[in-house]
Amino acid sequence: MAHYEHVFLARQDLSQSQVDSLAAQATDIIEKNDGKVTKTETWGLKSLAYKIDRNRKAHFVLLNIEGPGSVVEELERQTRINEDVIRYMTIRVDEPEEGPSVMMRKNERDNKKRRDREERN
């Protein structure tokens, strides 16, 4: 089975529950096509480098997928149709990343720095 990382950006005006529902829909599509989601991470609402469809921010979600290429084809087809998703990218990886992704580690590191700064003040 091949391993993939699928990241999508959802519109900024969606609530967190709607973003979670988008991730659940993607998971359903993958599982219906004989694939498996090994990890789902929500990176939160982040600023974009440039406006995309009048959005300055977006909700970022990562899915680690295991399955055949047809799973990715169907997932990308369904994602293209969805108006709430403003961008997406799927890449094939040799093996899935264990533990939290780089983005999650960065958030933890930033939170630790913020706590240390507040303790000093």
C-alpha atoms as a PDB file:
ATOM      1  CA  MET A   1       0.000   0.000   0.000  1.00  0.00           C
ATOM      2  CA  ALA A   2       1.200   3.502  -0.819  1.00  0.00           C
ATOM      3  CA  HIS A   3       1.375   6.286   1.774  1.00  0.00           C
ATOM      4  CA  TYR A   4       0.176   9.833   1.118  1.00  0.00           C
ATOM      5  CA  GLU A   5      -0.081  13.128   2.971  1.00  0.00           C
ATOM      6  CA  HIS A   6      -3.138  15.208   2.062  1.00  0.00           C
ATOM      7  CA  VAL A   7      -3.338  18.805   3.312  1.00  0.00           C
ATOM      8  CA  PHE A   8      -6.325  21.012   2.622  1.00  0.00           C
ATOM      9  CA  LEU A   9      -7.135  24.624   3.442  1.00  0.00           C
ATOM     10  CA  ALA A  10     -10.712  25.451   4.401  1.00  0.00           C
ATOM     11  CA  ARG A  11     -12.282  28.905   4.241  1.00  0.00           C
ATOM     12  CA  GLN A  12     -11.687  31.228   7.195  1.00  0.00           C
ATOM     13  CA  ASP A  13     -15.378  31.820   7.951  1.00  0.00           C
ATOM     14  CA  LEU A  14     -16.055  28.153   8.812  1.00  0.00           C
ATOM     15  CA  SER A  15     -16.373  27.099  12.431  1.00  0.00           C
ATOM     16  CA  GLN A  16     -14.084  24.454  13.900  1.00  0.00           C
ATOM     17  CA  SER A  17     -16.933  21.926  13.907  1.00  0.00           C
ATOM     18  CA  GLN A  18     -17.482  22.495  10.179  1.00  0.00           C
ATOM     19  CA  VAL A  19     -13.762  21.971   9.541  1.00  0.00           C
ATOM     20  CA  ASP A  20     -13.902  18.744  11.568  1.00  0.00           C
ATOM     21  CA  SER A  21     -16.876  17.674   9.470  1.00  0.00           C
ATOM     22  CA  LEU A  22     -14.854  18.296   6.265  1.00  0.00           C
ATOM     23  CA  ALA A  23     -12.087  16.075   7.656  1.00  0.00           C
ATOM     24  CA  ALA A  24     -14.686  13.413   8.520  1.00  0.00           C
ATOM     25  CA  GLN A  25     -16.094  13.576   4.964  1.00  0.00           C
ATOM     26  CA  ALA A  26     -12.591  13.102   3.545  1.00  0.00           C
ATOM     27  CA  THR A  27     -12.054  10.145   5.882  1.00  0.00           C
ATOM     28  CA  ASP A  28     -15.331   8.572   4.698  1.00  0.00           C
ATOM     29  CA  ILE A  29     -14.306   8.981   1.044  1.00  0.00           C
ATOM     30  CA  ILE A  30     -10.964   7.317   1.756  1.00  0.00           C
ATOM     31  CA  GLU A  31     -12.456   4.412   3.697  1.00  0.00           C
ATOM     32  CA  LYS A  32     -15.146   3.772   1.055  1.00  0.00           C
ATOM     33  CA  ASN A  33     -12.375   3.378  -1.544  1.00  0.00           C
ATOM     34  CA  ASP A  34     -10.370   0.773   0.411  1.00  0.00           C
ATOM     35  CA  GLY A  35      -8.002   3.281   1.982  1.00  0.00           C
ATOM     36  CA  LYS A  36      -7.149   4.037   5.588  1.00  0.00           C
ATOM     37  CA  VAL A  37      -6.504   7.322   7.414  1.00  0.00           C
ATOM     38  CA  THR A  38      -3.637   6.757   9.829  1.00  0.00           C
ATOM     39  CA  LYS A  39      -3.480  10.288  11.268  1.00  0.00           C
ATOM     40  CA  THR A  40      -5.592  13.448  11.223  1.00  0.00           C
ATOM     41  CA  GLU A  41      -4.228  16.766  12.468  1.00  0.00           C
ATOM     42  CA  THR A  42      -5.971  20.121  12.567  1.00  0.00           C
ATOM     43  CA  TRP A  43      -3.367  22.871  12.532  1.00  0.00           C
ATOM     44  CA  GLY A  44      -5.891  25.624  13.189  1.00  0.00           C
ATOM     45  CA  LEU A  45      -6.623  28.980  11.610  1.00  0.00           C
ATOM     46  CA  LYS A  46      -3.451  30.452  10.119  1.00  0.00           C
ATOM     47  CA  SER A  47      -2.642  33.527   8.052  1.00  0.00           C
ATOM     48  CA  LEU A  48      -1.941  33.002   4.361  1.00  0.00           C
ATOM     49  CA  ALA A  49       1.022  34.518   2.547  1.00  0.00           C
ATOM     50  CA  TYR A  50      -1.378  36.011  -0.013  1.00  0.00           C
ATOM     51  CA  LYS A  51      -5.134  36.256  -0.522  1.00  0.00           C
ATOM     52  CA  ILE A  52      -6.846  33.219  -1.998  1.00  0.00           C
ATOM     53  CA  ASP A  53     -10.427  33.827  -3.145  1.00  0.00           C
ATOM     54  CA  ARG A  54     -10.707  36.867  -0.831  1.00  0.00           C
ATOM     55  CA  ASN A  55      -9.475  34.834   2.176  1.00  0.00           C
ATOM     56  CA  ARG A  56      -6.557  36.144   4.235  1.00  0.00           C
ATOM     57  CA  LYS A  57      -6.647  33.156   6.620  1.00  0.00           C
ATOM     58  CA  ALA A  58      -7.527  29.482   6.341  1.00  0.00           C
ATOM     59  CA  HIS A  59      -8.054  26.397   8.493  1.00  0.00           C
ATOM     60  CA  PHE A  60      -5.290  23.853   7.792  1.00  0.00           C
ATOM     61  CA  VAL A  61      -5.919  20.085   8.073  1.00  0.00           C
ATOM     62  CA  LEU A  62      -3.496  17.185   7.461  1.00  0.00           C
ATOM     63  CA  LEU A  63      -4.537  13.603   6.691  1.00  0.00           C
ATOM     64  CA  ASN A  64      -2.044  10.733   6.464  1.00  0.00           C
ATOM     65  CA  ILE A  65      -3.493   8.183   4.044  1.00  0.00           C
ATOM     66  CA  GLU A  66      -2.625   4.591   3.269  1.00  0.00           C
ATOM     67  CA  GLY A  67      -4.142   3.031   0.157  1.00  0.00           C
ATOM     68  CA  PRO A  68      -4.078   2.661  -3.625  1.00  0.00           C
ATOM     69  CA  GLY A  69      -3.816   5.591  -6.040  1.00  0.00           C
ATOM     70  CA  SER A  70      -7.528   5.403  -6.840  1.00  0.00           C
ATOM     71  CA  VAL A  71      -8.229   6.631  -3.293  1.00  0.00           C
ATOM     72  CA  VAL A  72      -6.290   9.829  -3.971  1.00  0.00           C
ATOM     73  CA  GLU A  73      -8.007  10.335  -7.338  1.00  0.00           C
ATOM     74  CA  GLU A  74     -11.467  10.133  -5.764  1.00  0.00           C
ATOM     75  CA  LEU A  75     -10.485  12.266  -2.760  1.00  0.00           C
ATOM     76  CA  GLU A  76      -9.082  15.006  -4.999  1.00  0.00           C
ATOM     77  CA  ARG A  77     -12.149  14.857  -7.265  1.00  0.00           C
ATOM     78  CA  GLN A  78     -14.479  15.321  -4.294  1.00  0.00           C
ATOM     79  CA  THR A  79     -12.255  18.058  -2.829  1.00  0.00           C
ATOM     80  CA  ARG A  80     -12.314  20.014  -6.106  1.00  0.00           C
ATOM     81  CA  ILE A  81     -16.128  20.025  -5.991  1.00  0.00           C
ATOM     82  CA  ASN A  82     -16.306  21.269  -2.376  1.00  0.00           C
ATOM     83  CA  GLU A  83     -16.644  25.067  -2.193  1.00  0.00           C
ATOM     84  CA  ASP A  84     -15.395  25.218   1.411  1.00  0.00           C
ATOM     85  CA  VAL A  85     -11.915  23.985   0.434  1.00  0.00           C
ATOM     86  CA  ILE A  86      -9.825  26.737  -1.128  1.00  0.00           C
ATOM     87  CA  ARG A  87      -6.598  24.739  -1.722  1.00  0.00           C
ATOM     88  CA  TYR A  88      -5.370  21.173  -1.325  1.00  0.00           C
ATOM     89  CA  MET A  89      -2.239  19.151  -1.980  1.00  0.00           C
ATOM     90  CA  THR A  90      -1.583  15.430  -1.883  1.00  0.00           C
ATOM     91  CA  ILE A  91       1.926  14.004  -1.991  1.00  0.00           C
ATOM     92  CA  ARG A  92       3.206  10.464  -1.918  1.00  0.00           C
ATOM     93  CA  VAL A  93       5.661   9.668   0.876  1.00  0.00           C
ATOM     94  CA  ASP A  94       7.914   6.653   1.346  1.00  0.00           C
ATOM     95  CA  GLU A  95       6.713   6.067   4.884  1.00  0.00           C
ATOM     96  CA  PRO A  96       4.374   8.022   7.162  1.00  0.00           C
ATOM     97  CA  GLU A  97       5.812  10.390   9.741  1.00  0.00           C
ATOM     98  CA  GLU A  98       5.549   9.002  13.260  1.00  0.00           C
ATOM     99  CA  GLY A  99       4.364  11.252  16.062  1.00  0.00           C
ATOM    100  CA  PRO A 100       3.242  14.852  15.611  1.00  0.00           C
ATOM    101  CA  SER A 101       3.989  16.642  12.347  1.00  0.00           C
ATOM    102  CA  VAL A 102       6.458  19.494  12.025  1.00  0.00           C
ATOM    103  CA  MET A 103       3.622  22.048  12.276  1.00  0.00           C
ATOM    104  CA  MET A 104       2.395  20.578  15.564  1.00  0.00           C
ATOM    105  CA  ARG A 105       5.923  20.525  16.988  1.00  0.00           C
ATOM    106  CA  LYS A 106       6.341  24.162  15.931  1.00  0.00           C
ATOM    107  CA  ASN A 107       3.111  25.093  17.760  1.00  0.00           C
ATOM    108  CA  GLU A 108       4.324  23.335  20.912  1.00  0.00           C
ATOM    109  CA  ARG A 109       7.708  25.093  20.695  1.00  0.00           C
ATOM    110  CA  ASP A 110       6.037  28.498  20.206  1.00  0.00           C
ATOM    111  CA  ASN A 111       3.697  27.899  23.140  1.00  0.00           C
ATOM    112  CA  LYS A 112       6.660  26.958  25.356  1.00  0.00           C
ATOM    113  CA  LYS A 113       8.524  30.146  24.355  1.00  0.00           C
ATOM    114  CA  ARG A 114       5.411  32.205  25.085  1.00  0.00           C
ATOM    115  CA  ARG A 115       5.007  30.617  28.544  1.00  0.00           C
ATOM    116  CA  ASP A 116       8.703  31.221  29.334  1.00  0.00           C
ATOM    117  CA  ARG A 117       8.381  34.881  28.321  1.00  0.00           C
ATOM    118  CA  GLU A 118       5.276  35.329  30.495  1.00  0.00           C
ATOM    119  CA  GLU A 119       7.022  33.757  33.477  1.00  0.00           C
ATOM    120  CA  ARG A 120       9.944  36.191  33.140  1.00  0.00           C
ATOM    121  CA  ASN A 121       7.627  39.204  33.148  1.00  0.00           C
END
